[in-house]
Amino acid sequence: MKRTPPPSGSPSNSDLDRIDERVVPPGFALLRAEHARLESVYDSLLAAYRHGDWPDVQATWQVFEPALRAHMDLEERLAFPAFRATSPADASALLAEHAELRTLLDTLAIHIELHAVPLADAEELIRRLRAHGHHEELVLYPWVEAAMDSAALAGP
């Protein structure tokens, strides 16, 4: 499948390489912004399906898939190592969701190429992504914010 670069505002591979993995706050701001941006990409993908414009579905998928993969990779690099050390069960559950989502993306990417993904499958994918994002907002992101506050209080 031909991959296009992530859209403006999405972390590219070079952006990911420049982020200092020991510094959570800048990366965390990026993660929060990505959750909001991904919501608009989800809406675009569903709108393309609902309009029945297959070239638009494929073009939107070429933005959606790499952006989502980059987002999960970024979370795993910036937050999960320390999160796993303090909340191993929650980290394992979220990482298992990431693995399931990647498997689903792999399958749907092939089906997109074959023009064989019905709207119901796309809607189910977006439902699962939103549920996962909500799970992260409840479990992972408050932990990261607390860790950032603790680091700020500890000082240099």
N, C-alpha and C. Protein backbone atom coordinates (compact mmCIF):
# COMPACT_ATOMS: atom_id res chain seq x y z
N MET A 1 0.85 -1.18 0.00
CA MET A 1 0.00 0.00 0.00
C MET A 1 0.88 1.23 0.00
N LYS A 2 0.58 2.18 -0.84
CA LYS A 2 1.34 3.42 -0.92
C LYS A 2 1.06 4.26 0.31
N ARG A 3 2.11 4.75 0.94
CA ARG A 3 1.96 5.56 2.14
C ARG A 3 2.29 7.00 1.81
N THR A 4 1.44 7.91 2.24
CA THR A 4 1.71 9.33 2.09
C THR A 4 2.21 9.85 3.42
N PRO A 5 2.98 10.93 3.40
CA PRO A 5 3.45 11.47 4.67
C PRO A 5 2.29 11.98 5.50
N PRO A 6 2.46 11.98 6.84
CA PRO A 6 1.40 12.50 7.69
C PRO A 6 1.12 13.96 7.36
N PRO A 7 -0.11 14.41 7.58
CA PRO A 7 -0.46 15.79 7.28
C PRO A 7 0.25 16.74 8.22
N SER A 8 0.23 18.00 7.85
CA SER A 8 0.82 19.04 8.69
C SER A 8 0.22 18.96 10.08
N GLY A 9 1.07 19.08 11.08
CA GLY A 9 0.59 19.03 12.45
C GLY A 9 0.66 17.64 13.05
N SER A 10 0.90 16.63 12.22
CA SER A 10 1.04 15.28 12.71
C SER A 10 2.52 14.97 12.86
N PRO A 11 2.89 14.19 13.88
CA PRO A 11 4.30 13.93 14.05
C PRO A 11 4.84 13.05 12.93
N SER A 12 5.87 13.51 12.26
CA SER A 12 6.53 12.69 11.25
C SER A 12 7.58 11.85 11.95
N ASN A 13 8.19 10.93 11.22
CA ASN A 13 9.24 10.12 11.83
C ASN A 13 10.38 10.99 12.33
N SER A 14 10.73 12.05 11.58
CA SER A 14 11.81 12.92 12.04
C SER A 14 11.40 13.69 13.29
N ASP A 15 10.13 14.08 13.40
CA ASP A 15 9.65 14.72 14.63
C ASP A 15 9.80 13.76 15.80
N LEU A 16 9.43 12.50 15.59
CA LEU A 16 9.53 11.52 16.66
C LEU A 16 10.97 11.32 17.08
N ASP A 17 11.89 11.34 16.11
CA ASP A 17 13.29 11.14 16.43
C ASP A 17 13.87 12.31 17.20
N ARG A 18 13.33 13.53 17.01
CA ARG A 18 13.87 14.71 17.69
C ARG A 18 13.35 14.86 19.12
N ILE A 19 12.29 14.15 19.47
CA ILE A 19 11.72 14.29 20.82
C ILE A 19 12.62 13.57 21.80
N ASP A 20 13.03 14.26 22.84
CA ASP A 20 13.82 13.66 23.90
C ASP A 20 12.88 12.81 24.74
N GLU A 21 13.06 11.52 24.69
CA GLU A 21 12.14 10.60 25.38
C GLU A 21 12.17 10.78 26.89
N ARG A 22 13.16 11.45 27.43
CA ARG A 22 13.21 11.67 28.88
C ARG A 22 12.36 12.86 29.28
N VAL A 23 11.89 13.62 28.31
CA VAL A 23 11.13 14.84 28.60
C VAL A 23 9.68 14.60 28.21
N VAL A 24 8.82 14.33 29.19
CA VAL A 24 7.42 14.01 28.91
C VAL A 24 6.59 15.24 28.57
N PRO A 25 6.72 16.39 29.24
CA PRO A 25 5.75 17.47 29.00
C PRO A 25 5.58 17.91 27.55
N PRO A 26 6.64 18.20 26.77
CA PRO A 26 6.38 18.60 25.39
C PRO A 26 5.69 17.50 24.59
N GLY A 27 6.12 16.26 24.80
CA GLY A 27 5.50 15.14 24.11
C GLY A 27 4.06 14.95 24.55
N PHE A 28 3.79 15.19 25.82
CA PHE A 28 2.44 15.03 26.32
C PHE A 28 1.50 16.03 25.67
N ALA A 29 1.96 17.28 25.51
CA ALA A 29 1.13 18.28 24.83
C ALA A 29 0.83 17.82 23.41
N LEU A 30 1.82 17.23 22.77
CA LEU A 30 1.63 16.70 21.42
C LEU A 30 0.61 15.57 21.42
N LEU A 31 0.68 14.69 22.41
CA LEU A 31 -0.27 13.59 22.50
C LEU A 31 -1.70 14.10 22.65
N ARG A 32 -1.90 15.07 23.53
CA ARG A 32 -3.24 15.65 23.72
C ARG A 32 -3.74 16.28 22.42
N ALA A 33 -2.87 17.03 21.75
CA ALA A 33 -3.26 17.67 20.49
C ALA A 33 -3.59 16.62 19.44
N GLU A 34 -2.84 15.53 19.43
CA GLU A 34 -3.10 14.47 18.46
C GLU A 34 -4.45 13.81 18.70
N HIS A 35 -4.85 13.62 19.94
CA HIS A 35 -6.18 13.04 20.21
C HIS A 35 -7.26 13.91 19.57
N ALA A 36 -7.14 15.20 19.75
CA ALA A 36 -8.14 16.12 19.17
C ALA A 36 -8.08 16.08 17.65
N ARG A 37 -6.88 16.09 17.08
CA ARG A 37 -6.73 16.09 15.63
C ARG A 37 -7.23 14.78 15.03
N LEU A 38 -6.96 13.67 15.70
CA LEU A 38 -7.43 12.38 15.20
C LEU A 38 -8.94 12.32 15.13
N GLU A 39 -9.62 12.97 16.06
CA GLU A 39 -11.08 13.01 16.01
C GLU A 39 -11.57 13.58 14.69
N SER A 40 -10.92 14.64 14.20
CA SER A 40 -11.35 15.23 12.93
C SER A 40 -11.03 14.29 11.76
N VAL A 41 -9.94 13.53 11.88
CA VAL A 41 -9.61 12.56 10.83
C VAL A 41 -10.63 11.43 10.83
N TYR A 42 -11.05 10.99 12.03
CA TYR A 42 -12.10 9.96 12.11
C TYR A 42 -13.36 10.44 11.39
N ASP A 43 -13.75 11.68 11.68
CA ASP A 43 -14.95 12.23 11.05
C ASP A 43 -14.80 12.31 9.54
N SER A 44 -13.62 12.68 9.07
CA SER A 44 -13.38 12.76 7.62
C SER A 44 -13.50 11.40 6.96
N LEU A 45 -12.95 10.38 7.61
CA LEU A 45 -13.03 9.04 7.05
C LEU A 45 -14.48 8.58 6.95
N LEU A 46 -15.24 8.77 8.01
CA LEU A 46 -16.65 8.37 7.98
C LEU A 46 -17.45 9.18 6.95
N ALA A 47 -17.15 10.46 6.84
CA ALA A 47 -17.85 11.29 5.84
C ALA A 47 -17.56 10.80 4.43
N ALA A 48 -16.32 10.44 4.16
CA ALA A 48 -15.98 9.92 2.83
C ALA A 48 -16.76 8.63 2.55
N TYR A 49 -16.86 7.76 3.54
CA TYR A 49 -17.64 6.53 3.37
C TYR A 49 -19.10 6.85 3.09
N ARG A 50 -19.65 7.74 3.88
CA ARG A 50 -21.08 8.03 3.76
C ARG A 50 -21.42 8.68 2.42
N HIS A 51 -20.45 9.40 1.84
CA HIS A 51 -20.67 10.00 0.52
C HIS A 51 -20.41 9.02 -0.61
N GLY A 52 -19.86 7.86 -0.28
CA GLY A 52 -19.63 6.83 -1.29
C GLY A 52 -18.55 7.19 -2.29
N ASP A 53 -17.64 8.07 -1.91
CA ASP A 53 -16.56 8.51 -2.80
C ASP A 53 -15.31 7.70 -2.49
N TRP A 54 -15.12 6.59 -3.21
CA TRP A 54 -14.03 5.68 -2.88
C TRP A 54 -12.65 6.32 -3.01
N PRO A 55 -12.37 7.12 -4.04
CA PRO A 55 -11.05 7.78 -4.06
C PRO A 55 -10.82 8.67 -2.83
N ASP A 56 -11.88 9.30 -2.34
CA ASP A 56 -11.76 10.11 -1.13
C ASP A 56 -11.54 9.22 0.09
N VAL A 57 -12.20 8.06 0.13
CA VAL A 57 -11.98 7.11 1.23
C VAL A 57 -10.50 6.70 1.24
N GLN A 58 -9.96 6.35 0.07
CA GLN A 58 -8.57 5.94 0.02
C GLN A 58 -7.62 7.07 0.40
N ALA A 59 -7.89 8.27 -0.07
CA ALA A 59 -7.03 9.42 0.27
C ALA A 59 -7.09 9.72 1.77
N THR A 60 -8.28 9.64 2.33
CA THR A 60 -8.42 9.89 3.76
C THR A 60 -7.74 8.79 4.57
N TRP A 61 -7.85 7.54 4.12
CA TRP A 61 -7.18 6.43 4.79
C TRP A 61 -5.66 6.65 4.80
N GLN A 62 -5.13 7.19 3.71
CA GLN A 62 -3.68 7.41 3.63
C GLN A 62 -3.21 8.50 4.59
N VAL A 63 -4.11 9.31 5.09
CA VAL A 63 -3.80 10.26 6.16
C VAL A 63 -4.05 9.60 7.51
N PHE A 64 -5.19 8.95 7.61
CA PHE A 64 -5.66 8.35 8.86
C PHE A 64 -4.70 7.30 9.40
N GLU A 65 -4.36 6.31 8.58
CA GLU A 65 -3.58 5.17 9.08
C GLU A 65 -2.20 5.58 9.60
N PRO A 66 -1.39 6.31 8.82
CA PRO A 66 -0.07 6.68 9.37
C PRO A 66 -0.16 7.62 10.56
N ALA A 67 -1.16 8.49 10.59
CA ALA A 67 -1.30 9.40 11.73
C ALA A 67 -1.63 8.61 12.99
N LEU A 68 -2.51 7.64 12.88
CA LEU A 68 -2.88 6.83 14.03
C LEU A 68 -1.71 5.98 14.52
N ARG A 69 -0.99 5.38 13.58
CA ARG A 69 0.17 4.57 13.97
C ARG A 69 1.24 5.44 14.64
N ALA A 70 1.49 6.61 14.09
CA ALA A 70 2.48 7.52 14.68
C ALA A 70 2.06 7.93 16.09
N HIS A 71 0.77 8.17 16.28
CA HIS A 71 0.26 8.56 17.60
C HIS A 71 0.49 7.45 18.62
N MET A 72 0.14 6.22 18.26
CA MET A 72 0.34 5.11 19.20
C MET A 72 1.82 4.91 19.49
N ASP A 73 2.67 5.01 18.47
CA ASP A 73 4.12 4.88 18.67
C ASP A 73 4.63 5.95 19.63
N LEU A 74 4.15 7.18 19.46
CA LEU A 74 4.59 8.28 20.30
C LEU A 74 4.17 8.05 21.76
N GLU A 75 2.94 7.63 21.97
CA GLU A 75 2.50 7.33 23.33
C GLU A 75 3.38 6.25 23.96
N GLU A 76 3.67 5.23 23.18
CA GLU A 76 4.45 4.11 23.69
C GLU A 76 5.88 4.53 24.02
N ARG A 77 6.42 5.46 23.27
CA ARG A 77 7.79 5.93 23.53
C ARG A 77 7.85 6.92 24.68
N LEU A 78 6.87 7.83 24.77
CA LEU A 78 6.95 8.90 25.76
C LEU A 78 6.37 8.52 27.13
N ALA A 79 5.28 7.84 27.15
CA ALA A 79 4.56 7.66 28.41
C ALA A 79 4.61 6.24 28.96
N PHE A 80 4.57 5.25 28.10
CA PHE A 80 4.37 3.90 28.60
C PHE A 80 5.52 3.32 29.41
N PRO A 81 6.78 3.62 29.14
CA PRO A 81 7.82 3.01 29.98
C PRO A 81 7.64 3.33 31.47
N ALA A 82 7.45 4.59 31.81
CA ALA A 82 7.26 4.95 33.22
C ALA A 82 5.88 4.53 33.72
N PHE A 83 4.87 4.63 32.88
CA PHE A 83 3.51 4.25 33.27
C PHE A 83 3.47 2.76 33.63
N ARG A 84 4.15 1.95 32.84
CA ARG A 84 4.19 0.51 33.08
C ARG A 84 4.82 0.21 34.44
N ALA A 85 5.82 1.00 34.83
CA ALA A 85 6.50 0.77 36.10
C ALA A 85 5.59 1.05 37.29
N THR A 86 4.67 1.98 37.15
CA THR A 86 3.80 2.33 38.28
C THR A 86 2.40 1.73 38.18
N SER A 87 1.93 1.46 36.97
CA SER A 87 0.58 0.91 36.77
C SER A 87 0.63 -0.21 35.73
N PRO A 88 1.27 -1.32 36.08
CA PRO A 88 1.49 -2.37 35.07
C PRO A 88 0.20 -2.94 34.47
N ALA A 89 -0.84 -3.11 35.25
CA ALA A 89 -2.08 -3.69 34.71
C ALA A 89 -2.73 -2.74 33.72
N ASP A 90 -2.81 -1.45 34.07
CA ASP A 90 -3.39 -0.47 33.15
C ASP A 90 -2.55 -0.34 31.89
N ALA A 91 -1.24 -0.31 32.06
CA ALA A 91 -0.36 -0.20 30.89
C ALA A 91 -0.54 -1.42 29.97
N SER A 92 -0.59 -2.60 30.56
CA SER A 92 -0.78 -3.81 29.76
C SER A 92 -2.09 -3.79 29.00
N ALA A 93 -3.15 -3.32 29.67
CA ALA A 93 -4.46 -3.26 29.01
C ALA A 93 -4.43 -2.28 27.83
N LEU A 94 -3.85 -1.11 28.04
CA LEU A 94 -3.79 -0.12 26.95
C LEU A 94 -2.89 -0.60 25.82
N LEU A 95 -1.77 -1.23 26.15
CA LEU A 95 -0.89 -1.76 25.11
C LEU A 95 -1.55 -2.89 24.34
N ALA A 96 -2.36 -3.70 25.01
CA ALA A 96 -3.11 -4.75 24.32
C ALA A 96 -4.11 -4.13 23.34
N GLU A 97 -4.74 -3.02 23.75
CA GLU A 97 -5.64 -2.32 22.83
C GLU A 97 -4.87 -1.79 21.63
N HIS A 98 -3.68 -1.25 21.85
CA HIS A 98 -2.86 -0.79 20.73
C HIS A 98 -2.58 -1.95 19.77
N ALA A 99 -2.22 -3.10 20.31
CA ALA A 99 -1.93 -4.27 19.47
C ALA A 99 -3.16 -4.68 18.66
N GLU A 100 -4.32 -4.69 19.30
CA GLU A 100 -5.56 -5.04 18.59
C GLU A 100 -5.86 -4.02 17.49
N LEU A 101 -5.68 -2.75 17.81
CA LEU A 101 -5.94 -1.71 16.81
C LEU A 101 -4.98 -1.83 15.63
N ARG A 102 -3.72 -2.14 15.89
CA ARG A 102 -2.76 -2.32 14.79
C ARG A 102 -3.14 -3.50 13.91
N THR A 103 -3.59 -4.59 14.52
CA THR A 103 -4.03 -5.75 13.75
C THR A 103 -5.23 -5.39 12.89
N LEU A 104 -6.17 -4.66 13.45
CA LEU A 104 -7.33 -4.22 12.71
C LEU A 104 -6.93 -3.30 11.56
N LEU A 105 -6.01 -2.38 11.82
CA LEU A 105 -5.52 -1.49 10.77
C LEU A 105 -4.87 -2.28 9.64
N ASP A 106 -4.07 -3.29 9.98
CA ASP A 106 -3.43 -4.12 8.95
C ASP A 106 -4.47 -4.78 8.06
N THR A 107 -5.50 -5.34 8.67
CA THR A 107 -6.55 -6.02 7.92
C THR A 107 -7.32 -5.03 7.05
N LEU A 108 -7.71 -3.91 7.64
CA LEU A 108 -8.50 -2.94 6.88
C LEU A 108 -7.69 -2.28 5.78
N ALA A 109 -6.39 -2.13 5.96
CA ALA A 109 -5.57 -1.53 4.91
C ALA A 109 -5.62 -2.38 3.64
N ILE A 110 -5.59 -3.68 3.81
CA ILE A 110 -5.69 -4.58 2.66
C ILE A 110 -7.08 -4.45 2.03
N HIS A 111 -8.10 -4.40 2.86
CA HIS A 111 -9.47 -4.29 2.35
C HIS A 111 -9.72 -2.95 1.67
N ILE A 112 -9.09 -1.90 2.16
CA ILE A 112 -9.23 -0.59 1.51
C ILE A 112 -8.69 -0.67 0.09
N GLU A 113 -7.54 -1.31 -0.07
CA GLU A 113 -6.95 -1.46 -1.40
C GLU A 113 -7.89 -2.24 -2.33
N LEU A 114 -8.63 -3.17 -1.76
CA LEU A 114 -9.53 -4.01 -2.56
C LEU A 114 -10.94 -3.42 -2.68
N HIS A 115 -11.14 -2.23 -2.12
CA HIS A 115 -12.46 -1.59 -2.12
C HIS A 115 -13.49 -2.47 -1.42
N ALA A 116 -13.08 -3.13 -0.34
CA ALA A 116 -13.95 -4.11 0.29
C ALA A 116 -14.16 -3.86 1.79
N VAL A 117 -14.26 -2.60 2.19
CA VAL A 117 -14.54 -2.29 3.59
C VAL A 117 -15.90 -1.61 3.64
N PRO A 118 -16.90 -2.30 4.18
CA PRO A 118 -18.22 -1.67 4.27
C PRO A 118 -18.23 -0.57 5.34
N LEU A 119 -19.19 0.31 5.22
CA LEU A 119 -19.34 1.41 6.17
C LEU A 119 -19.42 0.89 7.60
N ALA A 120 -20.13 -0.20 7.81
CA ALA A 120 -20.27 -0.74 9.17
C ALA A 120 -18.91 -1.08 9.78
N ASP A 121 -17.98 -1.60 8.98
CA ASP A 121 -16.64 -1.91 9.49
C ASP A 121 -15.87 -0.64 9.83
N ALA A 122 -15.99 0.37 9.00
CA ALA A 122 -15.34 1.65 9.27
C ALA A 122 -15.92 2.27 10.53
N GLU A 123 -17.23 2.21 10.69
CA GLU A 123 -17.87 2.76 11.90
C GLU A 123 -17.42 2.01 13.15
N GLU A 124 -17.29 0.69 13.04
CA GLU A 124 -16.83 -0.11 14.18
C GLU A 124 -15.39 0.25 14.54
N LEU A 125 -14.54 0.44 13.55
CA LEU A 125 -13.16 0.86 13.81
C LEU A 125 -13.14 2.19 14.56
N ILE A 126 -13.90 3.15 14.10
CA ILE A 126 -13.92 4.47 14.74
C ILE A 126 -14.50 4.36 16.15
N ARG A 127 -15.52 3.53 16.34
CA ARG A 127 -16.08 3.32 17.67
C ARG A 127 -15.01 2.78 18.61
N ARG A 128 -14.25 1.80 18.15
CA ARG A 128 -13.19 1.21 18.98
C ARG A 128 -12.08 2.21 19.26
N LEU A 129 -11.73 3.02 18.27
CA LEU A 129 -10.70 4.04 18.47
C LEU A 129 -11.14 5.07 19.50
N ARG A 130 -12.39 5.48 19.41
CA ARG A 130 -12.90 6.46 20.37
C ARG A 130 -12.96 5.86 21.78
N ALA A 131 -13.35 4.62 21.89
CA ALA A 131 -13.39 3.96 23.20
C ALA A 131 -11.97 3.86 23.77
N HIS A 132 -11.02 3.53 22.92
CA HIS A 132 -9.62 3.46 23.37
C HIS A 132 -9.13 4.83 23.80
N GLY A 133 -9.42 5.86 23.02
CA GLY A 133 -9.02 7.21 23.39
C GLY A 133 -9.62 7.62 24.72
N HIS A 134 -10.88 7.27 24.94
CA HIS A 134 -11.54 7.58 26.21
C HIS A 134 -10.85 6.84 27.36
N HIS A 135 -10.49 5.58 27.13
CA HIS A 135 -9.78 4.79 28.13
C HIS A 135 -8.46 5.46 28.49
N GLU A 136 -7.72 5.93 27.49
CA GLU A 136 -6.47 6.64 27.76
C GLU A 136 -6.71 7.93 28.53
N GLU A 137 -7.76 8.65 28.17
CA GLU A 137 -8.07 9.90 28.87
C GLU A 137 -8.39 9.65 30.34
N LEU A 138 -8.95 8.50 30.66
CA LEU A 138 -9.30 8.17 32.04
C LEU A 138 -8.13 7.61 32.84
N VAL A 139 -7.24 6.86 32.18
CA VAL A 139 -6.21 6.13 32.90
C VAL A 139 -4.81 6.69 32.68
N LEU A 140 -4.40 6.83 31.44
CA LEU A 140 -3.02 7.21 31.13
C LEU A 140 -2.77 8.70 31.32
N TYR A 141 -3.59 9.53 30.74
CA TYR A 141 -3.30 10.96 30.72
C TYR A 141 -3.35 11.61 32.11
N PRO A 142 -4.28 11.22 32.99
CA PRO A 142 -4.21 11.77 34.36
C PRO A 142 -2.92 11.36 35.07
N TRP A 143 -2.46 10.14 34.81
CA TRP A 143 -1.21 9.69 35.41
C TRP A 143 -0.05 10.55 34.91
N VAL A 144 -0.02 10.81 33.59
CA VAL A 144 1.06 11.63 33.02
C VAL A 144 1.00 13.03 33.62
N GLU A 145 -0.19 13.61 33.72
CA GLU A 145 -0.31 14.95 34.31
C GLU A 145 0.18 14.97 35.75
N ALA A 146 -0.16 13.92 36.53
CA ALA A 146 0.31 13.86 37.92
C ALA A 146 1.82 13.71 37.98
N ALA A 147 2.38 12.91 37.07
CA ALA A 147 3.83 12.73 37.03
C ALA A 147 4.52 14.05 36.68
N MET A 148 3.91 14.81 35.75
CA MET A 148 4.48 16.11 35.38
C MET A 148 4.41 17.06 36.56
N ASP A 149 3.30 17.08 37.28
CA ASP A 149 3.15 17.96 38.46
C ASP A 149 4.18 17.57 39.52
N SER A 150 4.37 16.28 39.75
CA SER A 150 5.35 15.84 40.75
C SER A 150 6.75 16.26 40.35
N ALA A 151 7.07 16.13 39.07
CA ALA A 151 8.40 16.52 38.60
C ALA A 151 8.60 18.02 38.76
N ALA A 152 7.55 18.80 38.48
CA ALA A 152 7.65 20.24 38.62
C ALA A 152 7.85 20.64 40.08
N LEU A 153 7.17 19.95 40.99
CA LEU A 153 7.30 20.26 42.41
C LEU A 153 8.67 19.87 42.95
N ALA A 154 9.25 18.81 42.38
CA ALA A 154 10.57 18.34 42.83
C ALA A 154 11.66 19.31 42.44
N GLY A 155 11.42 20.05 41.36
CA GLY A 155 12.42 21.03 40.92
C GLY A 155 13.59 20.37 40.21
N PRO A 156 14.57 21.19 39.80
CA PRO A 156 15.72 20.63 39.05
C PRO A 156 16.64 19.81 39.90
